[in-house]
Amino acid sequence: MDMEWRAGFGTVSSQHVALIQLAIQERVFLLDLCAHAISHHSTTVNFIRALLSDKNVLKL
């Protein structure tokens, strides 16, 4: 798992994650969190929260 943020270019405010790269076995998934359909879909948001809070998931 890897995450990317939008470039802030001097902003002081906290930035939201823009993209999550998720590798599972032989597949890679890119979750574009800037896309309205993903960021406002409650099942997807709950999945991401559960994934990030799981201590057994390696996060780079």
C-alpha atoms as a PDB file:
ATOM      1  CA  MET A   1       0.000   0.000   0.000  1.00  0.00           C
ATOM      2  CA  ASP A   2       1.229   3.453  -0.892  1.00  0.00           C
ATOM      3  CA  MET A   3      -0.457   6.853  -0.830  1.00  0.00           C
ATOM      4  CA  GLU A   4       0.015  10.031  -2.803  1.00  0.00           C
ATOM      5  CA  TRP A   5      -1.039  13.585  -2.041  1.00  0.00           C
ATOM      6  CA  ARG A   6      -1.671  16.507  -4.370  1.00  0.00           C
ATOM      7  CA  ALA A   7       1.225  18.914  -4.516  1.00  0.00           C
ATOM      8  CA  GLY A   8       0.654  21.684  -1.985  1.00  0.00           C
ATOM      9  CA  PHE A   9       3.200  24.202  -3.297  1.00  0.00           C
ATOM     10  CA  GLY A  10       3.587  26.204  -0.110  1.00  0.00           C
ATOM     11  CA  THR A  11       0.232  25.557   1.525  1.00  0.00           C
ATOM     12  CA  VAL A  12       0.288  25.130   5.273  1.00  0.00           C
ATOM     13  CA  SER A  13      -3.059  23.359   5.634  1.00  0.00           C
ATOM     14  CA  SER A  14      -3.256  19.593   5.909  1.00  0.00           C
ATOM     15  CA  GLN A  15      -3.615  17.754   2.627  1.00  0.00           C
ATOM     16  CA  HIS A  16      -6.025  14.902   1.956  1.00  0.00           C
ATOM     17  CA  VAL A  17      -4.817  11.689   0.339  1.00  0.00           C
ATOM     18  CA  ALA A  18      -5.403  11.886  -3.420  1.00  0.00           C
ATOM     19  CA  LEU A  19      -4.503   8.345  -4.508  1.00  0.00           C
ATOM     20  CA  ILE A  20      -4.110   4.965  -2.807  1.00  0.00           C
ATOM     21  CA  GLN A  21      -2.042   2.305  -4.571  1.00  0.00           C
ATOM     22  CA  LEU A  22      -3.008  -1.111  -3.271  1.00  0.00           C
ATOM     23  CA  ALA A  23      -1.092  -4.270  -4.273  1.00  0.00           C
ATOM     24  CA  ILE A  24      -2.665  -7.647  -3.505  1.00  0.00           C
ATOM     25  CA  GLN A  25      -0.839 -10.761  -4.685  1.00  0.00           C
ATOM     26  CA  GLU A  26      -0.433 -10.259  -8.452  1.00  0.00           C
ATOM     27  CA  ARG A  27      -2.817  -7.316  -8.837  1.00  0.00           C
ATOM     28  CA  VAL A  28      -2.516  -3.584  -8.272  1.00  0.00           C
ATOM     29  CA  PHE A  29      -5.450  -1.262  -7.653  1.00  0.00           C
ATOM     30  CA  LEU A  30      -5.417   2.529  -7.846  1.00  0.00           C
ATOM     31  CA  LEU A  31      -8.089   4.302  -5.816  1.00  0.00           C
ATOM     32  CA  ASP A  32      -8.516   7.900  -6.967  1.00  0.00           C
ATOM     33  CA  LEU A  33      -9.860   9.579  -3.850  1.00  0.00           C
ATOM     34  CA  CYS A  34     -10.307  12.866  -5.698  1.00  0.00           C
ATOM     35  CA  ALA A  35     -13.038  11.224  -7.780  1.00  0.00           C
ATOM     36  CA  HIS A  36     -16.426  12.204  -6.386  1.00  0.00           C
ATOM     37  CA  ALA A  37     -17.865   8.705  -6.919  1.00  0.00           C
ATOM     38  CA  ILE A  38     -15.263   7.127  -4.623  1.00  0.00           C
ATOM     39  CA  SER A  39     -14.879   9.783  -1.938  1.00  0.00           C
ATOM     40  CA  HIS A  40     -18.654   9.991  -1.363  1.00  0.00           C
ATOM     41  CA  HIS A  41     -19.402   6.245  -1.479  1.00  0.00           C
ATOM     42  CA  SER A  42     -19.865   5.113   2.140  1.00  0.00           C
ATOM     43  CA  THR A  43     -18.941   1.454   1.522  1.00  0.00           C
ATOM     44  CA  THR A  44     -15.661   2.477  -0.116  1.00  0.00           C
ATOM     45  CA  VAL A  45     -14.856   4.953   2.657  1.00  0.00           C
ATOM     46  CA  ASN A  46     -15.569   2.299   5.324  1.00  0.00           C
ATOM     47  CA  PHE A  47     -13.363  -0.224   3.471  1.00  0.00           C
ATOM     48  CA  ILE A  48     -10.471   2.249   3.335  1.00  0.00           C
ATOM     49  CA  ARG A  49     -10.843   3.073   7.044  1.00  0.00           C
ATOM     50  CA  ALA A  50     -10.845  -0.623   7.967  1.00  0.00           C
ATOM     51  CA  LEU A  51      -7.842  -1.268   5.730  1.00  0.00           C
ATOM     52  CA  LEU A  52      -5.821   1.593   7.202  1.00  0.00           C
ATOM     53  CA  SER A  53      -6.596   0.627  10.788  1.00  0.00           C
ATOM     54  CA  ASP A  54      -5.643  -3.044  10.289  1.00  0.00           C
ATOM     55  CA  LYS A  55      -2.234  -3.605  11.899  1.00  0.00           C
ATOM     56  CA  ASN A  56      -1.671  -6.706   9.729  1.00  0.00           C
ATOM     57  CA  VAL A  57      -1.625  -4.660   6.508  1.00  0.00           C
ATOM     58  CA  LEU A  58       1.829  -3.404   5.477  1.00  0.00           C
ATOM     59  CA  LYS A  59       1.703   0.301   4.721  1.00  0.00           C
ATOM     60  CA  LEU A  60       4.685   1.871   2.952  1.00  0.00           C
END
